[in-house]
Amino acid sequence: MIRSSVDRDQRPGRFLITGSSRLSANRAVSETLAGRIERHTLWPLSQGELELRRETFLDRLLSSSPVAAPDSRLGKRDYLERAVAGGFPEAVARRGPRRRSWFTAFVETVIEREAPGISASPRTADLPRLLRLVAARHAGVLNVSDLAADAQLPRSSVLRYLDVLEAVFLTVRIPAWSANLSQREIRAPKIFLTDSGLAAALRRAEVDTMMLPERARGSDGPIVEGFVLAELLRQSAVSSDPPLLSHYRDRDGLEVDLVVEGPDGRIAVIEIKAGPGVPAAAVRNMVSLRDRVGSRFAAGVVLHSGPRTTHLGDRIVGVPLAALWG
């Protein structure tokens, strides 16, 4: 019916079709409406939306203007509080066990209702367990063989289930960026849960625990990196010409958390730090990548929980995490 109606009257905006899974992946949908629809992903709320602010970070990142931000009064605890809350309004309004209970029910509902429409033979009991294992690898490079071994599932099943989890918008894979810089690049994607609050709930990550120096090492970083990625995905979704988001790593140790590539081929690189400082290694990696790509390099930004913007080198700055929405 929709197809024939659109063919008769091609004025845009006459129909709004919503769903909790990717339309093209749903086996029950026989007509894809290819060439007749535009697809828009409705992510959980961004920090700017929660604060009723218009976000321009992604646009400024690839512009000719230097990236800068006003001083921020937020500190590490403030950012962790925002990250573990995520962007689902109901979860933001809750705390502690009540928030985790909401996320548990959310995952169960999405998997029970949506997964059977995506996969011909879904073992829905395996999907929550696999999602928890993905959460343990949140913001890490995906190794499917290791994941399959931990899940005690065939590798082929894990690959199929990962597609299901992505089709119902619980996970997202960020590809490796390549500009033929060397033959030693690592091409595996990074894997994230689409909402940092969901990742924190499945990892049972608590702010108080992550603030302890002896426990924070290695536990806060993935949560904050996923939080930043989620904010950038939300900004990208409303861009008229969205950039490509990827990561870069090679076997010689050069890596950057995120590479943002604009339609004109210019790139910006982002390092994400949960702490207030800027490690020298992060700057060295940016300098090395800047020198390799030359004029294509628009900016290098180290996002951190400190209060001020600092100049770190030619086209490289450190800025507070609040610059994402401030």
Foldseek 3Di string as FASTA:
>chain_A
DVLVVCVVPVDPDPDDDDDLFAQVQFQVDPDPCPPRDDDFDDAFDAPLVVVVFDFCQVVVQQDLDFDFDAFDPFFLLNLVLDLLQWRHVVSVVDDDPVSLVVLVVVVLVLLVPPLVRRDVDDPSVLLVVLLLVLLVQQLHFDDLVVSCVVSVHDSVVSVSSVVSCVRSQQKDWAFADDPPLDPFKDTTTRMHGLILSSSCSSVVPDSVQCPDVVRVVPPVVSSSLSSLVNLLVVVQSPDPFRWGWHWIDGPVGQTFSIWTAGPVGAIETEHEESAQDDDPSLVVSVVVVCVSVDPSYNAYEYEYRHGGWDDDDDRYIYHYPCSRND
